[in-house]
Amino acid sequence: MRIVPAIDIIEGKCVRLSKGDYETKKIYNENPLEVAKEFQDHGIRFLHLVDLDGAKSKHIVNHKVLEQIASKTDLKIDFGGGLKTDEDLRIAFESGANQITGGSIAVKNKEFFLGWIQKHGADKIILGADALDEKVAVSGWQEESNEALIPFIQGYQKEGISYVICTDISKDGMLQGPSFQLYEKILLETSQEKPLKLIASGGISSFDELPKLAQLGCEGTIIGKAIYENRITLKQLENFIQNHG
């Protein structure tokens, strides 16, 4: 299972929110590149970079941060937050993103999102399936759609998508543990198509949750606040990567 730390960006700074609420913003570092380099120094190879300004303004904003991290580290970066147009994608990939995550657009403009999959290939596009009570949430989680989570994922599986980041919003930033049951259900109900590369996100609070997620069959896990609040140390993650990588 891949370990994917998260860096969320507001005004160029590394921050965390609780349940996607911008009012709960906490700044952890003024310099995201420093944070990314520290991850790399501990054997981490992947990074989940979220442009929260972009999510709010519905177009890419913090691409300079992406460019800086991509050019000064070897981390493989998946980038998301407000990507809505072909131009946004062009900027993201040219700035060094390995993959991009599309969430709201996959709900609100399916044809357009399918076009991205066809143009860039399914391995470059991650489906962001963020949910509250098994309903997909959109627009930086500011609104809930009527899309049921699992059929939503299954529909895109049929279109070739294999990478899916699923965040249970009720858990995000709360440090109360991830949604093991939800991930188990998703993996069980999507296994009829080709195997899903499910990336668990939200609520990770302690190191012992990681082997459980790996056991369930998650392809990766995104860890945010638990790192910044020292609930999980980078040394622990380094050891996990050495033993499971």
C-alpha atoms as a PDB file:
ATOM      1  CA  MET A   1       0.000   0.000   0.000  1.00  0.00           C
ATOM      2  CA  ARG A   2       1.349   3.403  -1.018  1.00  0.00           C
ATOM      3  CA  ILE A   3       1.790   6.066   1.655  1.00  0.00           C
ATOM      4  CA  VAL A   4       0.678   9.424   0.263  1.00  0.00           C
ATOM      5  CA  PRO A   5       1.061  12.427   2.583  1.00  0.00           C
ATOM      6  CA  ALA A   6      -1.131  15.432   1.856  1.00  0.00           C
ATOM      7  CA  ILE A   7      -0.210  19.063   1.502  1.00  0.00           C
ATOM      8  CA  ASP A   8      -3.193  21.404   1.272  1.00  0.00           C
ATOM      9  CA  ILE A   9      -2.459  24.910   0.016  1.00  0.00           C
ATOM     10  CA  ILE A  10      -4.115  28.218   0.832  1.00  0.00           C
ATOM     11  CA  GLU A  11      -2.292  31.407  -0.247  1.00  0.00           C
ATOM     12  CA  GLY A  12       0.852  29.378  -0.888  1.00  0.00           C
ATOM     13  CA  LYS A  13       0.960  27.975   2.668  1.00  0.00           C
ATOM     14  CA  CYS A  14       0.585  24.448   3.980  1.00  0.00           C
ATOM     15  CA  VAL A  15      -2.687  24.243   5.924  1.00  0.00           C
ATOM     16  CA  ARG A  16      -5.274  21.732   7.176  1.00  0.00           C
ATOM     17  CA  LEU A  17      -9.020  22.065   7.485  1.00  0.00           C
ATOM     18  CA  SER A  18     -11.578  20.051   9.466  1.00  0.00           C
ATOM     19  CA  LYS A  19     -14.407  18.518   7.398  1.00  0.00           C
ATOM     20  CA  GLY A  20     -13.479  20.826   4.520  1.00  0.00           C
ATOM     21  CA  ASP A  21     -14.522  23.933   6.449  1.00  0.00           C
ATOM     22  CA  TYR A  22     -12.347  26.911   5.448  1.00  0.00           C
ATOM     23  CA  GLU A  23     -13.147  28.608   8.773  1.00  0.00           C
ATOM     24  CA  THR A  24     -11.157  25.875  10.569  1.00  0.00           C
ATOM     25  CA  LYS A  25      -7.931  26.638   8.660  1.00  0.00           C
ATOM     26  CA  LYS A  26      -4.732  25.974  10.571  1.00  0.00           C
ATOM     27  CA  ILE A  27      -1.383  26.959   9.032  1.00  0.00           C
ATOM     28  CA  TYR A  28       1.355  24.355   9.609  1.00  0.00           C
ATOM     29  CA  ASN A  29       4.125  25.723   7.444  1.00  0.00           C
ATOM     30  CA  GLU A  30       4.650  28.858   5.372  1.00  0.00           C
ATOM     31  CA  ASN A  31       6.805  26.859   2.960  1.00  0.00           C
ATOM     32  CA  PRO A  32       5.250  23.721   1.393  1.00  0.00           C
ATOM     33  CA  LEU A  33       8.522  22.866  -0.383  1.00  0.00           C
ATOM     34  CA  GLU A  34      10.216  22.390   3.008  1.00  0.00           C
ATOM     35  CA  VAL A  35       7.463  19.989   4.020  1.00  0.00           C
ATOM     36  CA  ALA A  36       7.729  18.058   0.741  1.00  0.00           C
ATOM     37  CA  LYS A  37      11.519  17.749   1.062  1.00  0.00           C
ATOM     38  CA  GLU A  38      11.130  16.390   4.573  1.00  0.00           C
ATOM     39  CA  PHE A  39       8.710  13.749   3.272  1.00  0.00           C
ATOM     40  CA  GLN A  40      11.205  12.749   0.578  1.00  0.00           C
ATOM     41  CA  ASP A  41      14.042  12.558   3.127  1.00  0.00           C
ATOM     42  CA  HIS A  42      12.014   9.872   4.938  1.00  0.00           C
ATOM     43  CA  GLY A  43      11.671   7.633   1.893  1.00  0.00           C
ATOM     44  CA  ILE A  44       8.231   8.864   0.847  1.00  0.00           C
ATOM     45  CA  ARG A  45       7.767   8.828  -2.920  1.00  0.00           C
ATOM     46  CA  PHE A  46       4.253  10.189  -3.389  1.00  0.00           C
ATOM     47  CA  LEU A  47       2.421  13.400  -2.566  1.00  0.00           C
ATOM     48  CA  HIS A  48      -1.231  14.459  -2.621  1.00  0.00           C
ATOM     49  CA  LEU A  49      -1.254  18.208  -3.301  1.00  0.00           C
ATOM     50  CA  VAL A  50      -4.547  20.068  -2.981  1.00  0.00           C
ATOM     51  CA  ASP A  51      -5.120  23.598  -4.212  1.00  0.00           C
ATOM     52  CA  LEU A  52      -7.791  24.756  -1.750  1.00  0.00           C
ATOM     53  CA  ASP A  53      -7.834  28.249  -3.265  1.00  0.00           C
ATOM     54  CA  GLY A  54      -8.459  26.537  -6.594  1.00  0.00           C
ATOM     55  CA  ALA A  55     -11.292  24.449  -5.169  1.00  0.00           C
ATOM     56  CA  LYS A  56     -12.964  27.623  -3.945  1.00  0.00           C
ATOM     57  CA  SER A  57     -12.415  29.731  -7.060  1.00  0.00           C
ATOM     58  CA  LYS A  58     -13.083  26.834  -9.497  1.00  0.00           C
ATOM     59  CA  HIS A  59      -9.855  27.157 -11.456  1.00  0.00           C
ATOM     60  CA  ILE A  60      -6.200  26.335 -10.796  1.00  0.00           C
ATOM     61  CA  VAL A  61      -4.515  28.897  -8.491  1.00  0.00           C
ATOM     62  CA  ASN A  62      -1.456  27.457  -6.724  1.00  0.00           C
ATOM     63  CA  HIS A  63       0.311  25.913  -9.728  1.00  0.00           C
ATOM     64  CA  LYS A  64       3.554  27.703  -8.769  1.00  0.00           C
ATOM     65  CA  VAL A  65       3.689  25.642  -5.561  1.00  0.00           C
ATOM     66  CA  LEU A  66       3.177  22.490  -7.646  1.00  0.00           C
ATOM     67  CA  GLU A  67       5.937  23.556 -10.037  1.00  0.00           C
ATOM     68  CA  GLN A  68       8.322  24.283  -7.175  1.00  0.00           C
ATOM     69  CA  ILE A  69       7.779  20.919  -5.456  1.00  0.00           C
ATOM     70  CA  ALA A  70       7.859  18.978  -8.743  1.00  0.00           C
ATOM     71  CA  SER A  71      11.099  20.614  -9.893  1.00  0.00           C
ATOM     72  CA  LYS A  72      12.918  20.416  -6.543  1.00  0.00           C
ATOM     73  CA  THR A  73      11.899  16.936  -5.340  1.00  0.00           C
ATOM     74  CA  ASP A  74      11.433  13.516  -6.959  1.00  0.00           C
ATOM     75  CA  LEU A  75       7.969  13.060  -5.464  1.00  0.00           C
ATOM     76  CA  LYS A  76       5.239  11.758  -7.752  1.00  0.00           C
ATOM     77  CA  ILE A  77       2.477  14.295  -7.259  1.00  0.00           C
ATOM     78  CA  ASP A  78      -1.238  13.923  -7.700  1.00  0.00           C
ATOM     79  CA  PHE A  79      -2.808  17.352  -7.885  1.00  0.00           C
ATOM     80  CA  GLY A  80      -6.383  18.456  -7.369  1.00  0.00           C
ATOM     81  CA  GLY A  81      -8.589  21.355  -6.399  1.00  0.00           C
ATOM     82  CA  GLY A  82     -10.687  23.379  -8.808  1.00  0.00           C
ATOM     83  CA  LEU A  83      -9.562  21.751 -12.053  1.00  0.00           C
ATOM     84  CA  LYS A  84     -12.401  22.538 -14.443  1.00  0.00           C
ATOM     85  CA  THR A  85     -11.008  23.172 -17.927  1.00  0.00           C
ATOM     86  CA  ASP A  86      -8.551  21.695 -20.429  1.00  0.00           C
ATOM     87  CA  GLU A  87      -6.386  24.733 -19.721  1.00  0.00           C
ATOM     88  CA  ASP A  88      -6.337  23.917 -15.969  1.00  0.00           C
ATOM     89  CA  LEU A  89      -5.172  20.406 -16.826  1.00  0.00           C
ATOM     90  CA  ARG A  90      -2.526  21.652 -19.239  1.00  0.00           C
ATOM     91  CA  ILE A  91      -1.132  23.969 -16.542  1.00  0.00           C
ATOM     92  CA  ALA A  92      -1.198  21.180 -13.917  1.00  0.00           C
ATOM     93  CA  PHE A  93       0.628  18.654 -16.089  1.00  0.00           C
ATOM     94  CA  GLU A  94       3.110  21.228 -17.389  1.00  0.00           C
ATOM     95  CA  SER A  95       3.782  22.293 -13.797  1.00  0.00           C
ATOM     96  CA  GLY A  96       4.798  18.727 -12.967  1.00  0.00           C
ATOM     97  CA  ALA A  97       1.731  16.805 -11.801  1.00  0.00           C
ATOM     98  CA  ASN A  98       1.947  13.047 -12.428  1.00  0.00           C
ATOM     99  CA  GLN A  99      -1.785  12.636 -12.005  1.00  0.00           C
ATOM    100  CA  ILE A 100      -4.707  14.972 -11.487  1.00  0.00           C
ATOM    101  CA  THR A 101      -7.795  14.407  -9.378  1.00  0.00           C
ATOM    102  CA  GLY A 102     -11.214  15.402 -10.676  1.00  0.00           C
ATOM    103  CA  GLY A 103     -14.104  15.439  -8.243  1.00  0.00           C
ATOM    104  CA  SER A 104     -16.863  17.996  -8.799  1.00  0.00           C
ATOM    105  CA  ILE A 105     -16.345  17.949 -12.556  1.00  0.00           C
ATOM    106  CA  ALA A 106     -16.920  14.183 -12.665  1.00  0.00           C
ATOM    107  CA  VAL A 107     -20.362  14.806 -11.155  1.00  0.00           C
ATOM    108  CA  LYS A 108     -21.320  18.042 -12.884  1.00  0.00           C
ATOM    109  CA  ASN A 109     -19.843  17.551 -16.361  1.00  0.00           C
ATOM    110  CA  LYS A 110     -19.436  13.869 -17.053  1.00  0.00           C
ATOM    111  CA  GLU A 111     -18.798  14.231 -20.804  1.00  0.00           C
ATOM    112  CA  PHE A 112     -15.979  16.656 -20.164  1.00  0.00           C
ATOM    113  CA  PHE A 113     -14.384  14.402 -17.533  1.00  0.00           C
ATOM    114  CA  LEU A 114     -14.634  11.406 -19.871  1.00  0.00           C
ATOM    115  CA  GLY A 115     -12.829  13.517 -22.463  1.00  0.00           C
ATOM    116  CA  TRP A 116      -9.943  13.941 -20.037  1.00  0.00           C
ATOM    117  CA  ILE A 117      -9.748  10.169 -19.515  1.00  0.00           C
ATOM    118  CA  GLN A 118      -9.665   9.614 -23.287  1.00  0.00           C
ATOM    119  CA  LYS A 119      -7.116  12.364 -23.911  1.00  0.00           C
ATOM    120  CA  HIS A 120      -4.668  11.719 -21.070  1.00  0.00           C
ATOM    121  CA  GLY A 121      -5.306   8.031 -20.287  1.00  0.00           C
ATOM    122  CA  ALA A 122      -7.020   6.536 -17.230  1.00  0.00           C
ATOM    123  CA  ASP A 123      -3.734   6.184 -15.311  1.00  0.00           C
ATOM    124  CA  LYS A 124      -3.274   9.974 -15.323  1.00  0.00           C
ATOM    125  CA  ILE A 125      -6.755  10.760 -14.014  1.00  0.00           C
ATOM    126  CA  ILE A 126      -7.931   9.992 -10.481  1.00  0.00           C
ATOM    127  CA  LEU A 127     -11.617  10.046  -9.651  1.00  0.00           C
ATOM    128  CA  GLY A 128     -12.214  12.054  -6.502  1.00  0.00           C
ATOM    129  CA  ALA A 129     -15.210  10.418  -4.849  1.00  0.00           C
ATOM    130  CA  ASP A 130     -15.739  12.377  -1.648  1.00  0.00           C
ATOM    131  CA  ALA A 131     -18.806  11.420   0.294  1.00  0.00           C
ATOM    132  CA  LEU A 132     -21.088  12.245   3.164  1.00  0.00           C
ATOM    133  CA  ASP A 133     -23.532   9.486   4.136  1.00  0.00           C
ATOM    134  CA  GLU A 134     -22.569   7.640   0.916  1.00  0.00           C
ATOM    135  CA  LYS A 135     -23.654  10.583  -1.251  1.00  0.00           C
ATOM    136  CA  VAL A 136     -21.015  12.299  -3.386  1.00  0.00           C
ATOM    137  CA  ALA A 137     -20.132  15.854  -2.297  1.00  0.00           C
ATOM    138  CA  VAL A 138     -18.904  18.543  -4.676  1.00  0.00           C
ATOM    139  CA  SER A 139     -17.538  22.108  -4.834  1.00  0.00           C
ATOM    140  CA  GLY A 140     -14.898  21.730  -2.142  1.00  0.00           C
ATOM    141  CA  TRP A 141     -17.540  19.814  -0.135  1.00  0.00           C
ATOM    142  CA  GLN A 142     -19.696  22.902   0.060  1.00  0.00           C
ATOM    143  CA  GLU A 143     -22.619  20.997  -1.462  1.00  0.00           C
ATOM    144  CA  GLU A 144     -23.944  17.447  -1.619  1.00  0.00           C
ATOM    145  CA  SER A 145     -25.077  15.912  -4.903  1.00  0.00           C
ATOM    146  CA  ASN A 146     -27.748  13.248  -5.364  1.00  0.00           C
ATOM    147  CA  GLU A 147     -25.168  10.791  -6.678  1.00  0.00           C
ATOM    148  CA  ALA A 148     -24.921   7.609  -4.633  1.00  0.00           C
ATOM    149  CA  LEU A 149     -21.236   6.885  -4.006  1.00  0.00           C
ATOM    150  CA  ILE A 150     -20.815   3.269  -5.120  1.00  0.00           C
ATOM    151  CA  PRO A 151     -22.846   3.444  -8.367  1.00  0.00           C
ATOM    152  CA  PHE A 152     -20.924   6.662  -9.146  1.00  0.00           C
ATOM    153  CA  ILE A 153     -17.607   4.794  -8.822  1.00  0.00           C
ATOM    154  CA  GLN A 154     -18.910   1.769 -10.753  1.00  0.00           C
ATOM    155  CA  GLY A 155     -20.035   4.010 -13.625  1.00  0.00           C
ATOM    156  CA  TYR A 156     -16.549   5.426 -14.044  1.00  0.00           C
ATOM    157  CA  GLN A 157     -14.940   2.006 -13.659  1.00  0.00           C
ATOM    158  CA  LYS A 158     -16.801   1.004 -16.804  1.00  0.00           C
ATOM    159  CA  GLU A 159     -15.179   3.999 -18.514  1.00  0.00           C
ATOM    160  CA  GLY A 160     -11.688   2.794 -17.594  1.00  0.00           C
ATOM    161  CA  ILE A 161     -11.019   4.625 -14.317  1.00  0.00           C
ATOM    162  CA  SER A 162      -9.023   2.572 -11.839  1.00  0.00           C
ATOM    163  CA  TYR A 163      -7.636   5.159  -9.386  1.00  0.00           C
ATOM    164  CA  VAL A 164     -10.211   6.467  -6.920  1.00  0.00           C
ATOM    165  CA  ILE A 165      -9.589   8.673  -3.879  1.00  0.00           C
ATOM    166  CA  CYS A 166     -12.455   8.308  -1.438  1.00  0.00           C
ATOM    167  CA  THR A 167     -12.745  10.700   1.490  1.00  0.00           C
ATOM    168  CA  ASP A 168     -15.445  10.309   4.101  1.00  0.00           C
ATOM    169  CA  ILE A 169     -16.018  14.001   4.834  1.00  0.00           C
ATOM    170  CA  SER A 170     -17.413  13.312   8.302  1.00  0.00           C
ATOM    171  CA  LYS A 171     -13.997  11.888   9.216  1.00  0.00           C
ATOM    172  CA  ASP A 172     -11.719  14.359   7.467  1.00  0.00           C
ATOM    173  CA  GLY A 173      -9.357  16.229   9.752  1.00  0.00           C
ATOM    174  CA  MET A 174     -11.083  14.825  12.841  1.00  0.00           C
ATOM    175  CA  LEU A 175      -8.342  12.319  13.811  1.00  0.00           C
ATOM    176  CA  GLN A 176     -10.991   9.758  14.780  1.00  0.00           C
ATOM    177  CA  GLY A 177      -9.985   6.943  12.454  1.00  0.00           C
ATOM    178  CA  PRO A 178     -10.883   6.205   8.820  1.00  0.00           C
ATOM    179  CA  SER A 179     -14.069   4.641   7.410  1.00  0.00           C
ATOM    180  CA  PHE A 180     -12.951   1.014   7.341  1.00  0.00           C
ATOM    181  CA  GLN A 181     -16.490  -0.263   6.707  1.00  0.00           C
ATOM    182  CA  LEU A 182     -17.064   2.123   3.818  1.00  0.00           C
ATOM    183  CA  TYR A 183     -13.801   1.114   2.105  1.00  0.00           C
ATOM    184  CA  GLU A 184     -14.549  -2.562   2.623  1.00  0.00           C
ATOM    185  CA  LYS A 185     -17.997  -2.074   1.076  1.00  0.00           C
ATOM    186  CA  ILE A 186     -16.595  -0.147  -1.903  1.00  0.00           C
ATOM    187  CA  LEU A 187     -13.917  -2.766  -2.596  1.00  0.00           C
ATOM    188  CA  LEU A 188     -16.443  -5.583  -2.289  1.00  0.00           C
ATOM    189  CA  GLU A 189     -19.046  -4.000  -4.550  1.00  0.00           C
ATOM    190  CA  THR A 190     -16.667  -2.794  -7.253  1.00  0.00           C
ATOM    191  CA  SER A 191     -14.654  -5.998  -7.591  1.00  0.00           C
ATOM    192  CA  GLN A 192     -16.868  -7.292 -10.440  1.00  0.00           C
ATOM    193  CA  GLU A 193     -15.171  -4.813 -12.785  1.00  0.00           C
ATOM    194  CA  LYS A 194     -11.373  -4.663 -12.999  1.00  0.00           C
ATOM    195  CA  PRO A 195      -9.725  -4.242  -9.563  1.00  0.00           C
ATOM    196  CA  LEU A 196     -10.147  -0.776  -8.091  1.00  0.00           C
ATOM    197  CA  LYS A 197      -7.069   1.123  -6.924  1.00  0.00           C
ATOM    198  CA  LEU A 198      -8.782   2.638  -3.918  1.00  0.00           C
ATOM    199  CA  ILE A 199      -6.918   5.366  -2.058  1.00  0.00           C
ATOM    200  CA  ALA A 200      -8.294   5.872   1.441  1.00  0.00           C
ATOM    201  CA  SER A 201      -8.439   9.423   2.743  1.00  0.00           C
ATOM    202  CA  GLY A 202      -9.803  11.158   5.812  1.00  0.00           C
ATOM    203  CA  GLY A 203      -9.599  10.475   9.504  1.00  0.00           C
ATOM    204  CA  ILE A 204      -6.285   8.597   9.666  1.00  0.00           C
ATOM    205  CA  SER A 205      -5.213   9.146  13.265  1.00  0.00           C
ATOM    206  CA  SER A 206      -2.706   6.491  14.302  1.00  0.00           C
ATOM    207  CA  PHE A 207      -0.080   4.244  12.783  1.00  0.00           C
ATOM    208  CA  ASP A 208      -1.903   0.975  13.572  1.00  0.00           C
ATOM    209  CA  GLU A 209      -4.695   1.947  11.153  1.00  0.00           C
ATOM    210  CA  LEU A 210      -2.316   1.640   8.188  1.00  0.00           C
ATOM    211  CA  PRO A 211      -1.851  -2.155   8.236  1.00  0.00           C
ATOM    212  CA  LYS A 212      -5.650  -2.512   8.563  1.00  0.00           C
ATOM    213  CA  LEU A 213      -6.204  -0.409   5.442  1.00  0.00           C
ATOM    214  CA  ALA A 214      -3.559  -2.430   3.611  1.00  0.00           C
ATOM    215  CA  GLN A 215      -5.288  -5.644   4.709  1.00  0.00           C
ATOM    216  CA  LEU A 216      -8.620  -4.411   3.347  1.00  0.00           C
ATOM    217  CA  GLY A 217      -6.967  -3.998  -0.050  1.00  0.00           C
ATOM    218  CA  CYS A 218      -6.560  -0.230  -0.277  1.00  0.00           C
ATOM    219  CA  GLU A 219      -3.968   0.660  -2.925  1.00  0.00           C
ATOM    220  CA  GLY A 220      -2.895   3.784  -1.068  1.00  0.00           C
ATOM    221  CA  THR A 221      -3.721   5.965   1.869  1.00  0.00           C
ATOM    222  CA  ILE A 222      -3.572   9.738   2.164  1.00  0.00           C
ATOM    223  CA  ILE A 223      -2.365  11.029   5.521  1.00  0.00           C
ATOM    224  CA  GLY A 224      -2.693  14.675   6.488  1.00  0.00           C
ATOM    225  CA  LYS A 225      -3.362  16.046   9.931  1.00  0.00           C
ATOM    226  CA  ALA A 226      -2.013  12.942  11.722  1.00  0.00           C
ATOM    227  CA  ILE A 227       1.459  13.808  10.386  1.00  0.00           C
ATOM    228  CA  TYR A 228       1.218  17.512  11.186  1.00  0.00           C
ATOM    229  CA  GLU A 229      -0.091  16.850  14.709  1.00  0.00           C
ATOM    230  CA  ASN A 230       2.635  14.208  15.311  1.00  0.00           C
ATOM    231  CA  ARG A 231       0.142  11.378  15.758  1.00  0.00           C
ATOM    232  CA  ILE A 232       2.133   9.461  13.140  1.00  0.00           C
ATOM    233  CA  THR A 233       5.848  10.162  12.795  1.00  0.00           C
ATOM    234  CA  LEU A 234       7.727  10.293   9.511  1.00  0.00           C
ATOM    235  CA  LYS A 235      10.071   7.676  10.978  1.00  0.00           C
ATOM    236  CA  GLN A 236       7.125   5.280  11.415  1.00  0.00           C
ATOM    237  CA  LEU A 237       6.125   5.886   7.812  1.00  0.00           C
ATOM    238  CA  GLU A 238       9.697   5.327   6.661  1.00  0.00           C
ATOM    239  CA  ASN A 239       9.745   1.949   8.437  1.00  0.00           C
ATOM    240  CA  PHE A 240       6.346   1.011   6.996  1.00  0.00           C
ATOM    241  CA  ILE A 241       7.561   1.822   3.461  1.00  0.00           C
ATOM    242  CA  GLN A 242      10.757  -0.211   3.972  1.00  0.00           C
ATOM    243  CA  ASN A 243       8.772  -3.209   5.224  1.00  0.00           C
ATOM    244  CA  HIS A 244       5.866  -3.028   2.762  1.00  0.00           C
ATOM    245  CA  GLY A 245       7.320  -1.200  -0.213  1.00  0.00           C
END
